[in-house]
């Protein structure tokens, strides 16, 4: 009886395959632009999902 792969590994593989298809055929520069845009979009979504009334302390290095 073969061992069944855990669900999280299936999700990880599917996600990696989806990303591979999205960047397939892109040049290195296009891929970098793709990831910069995706990162900006993610940060905007995170900021939008933050509670409005709660003040965040400033980040210090």
Foldseek 3Di string as FASTA:
>chain_A
DDDDDDPVVVVVVVVVVVVCVVCPPPDPVRVVVVVVVVVVVVVVVVVVPDDPPDDDDDDDD
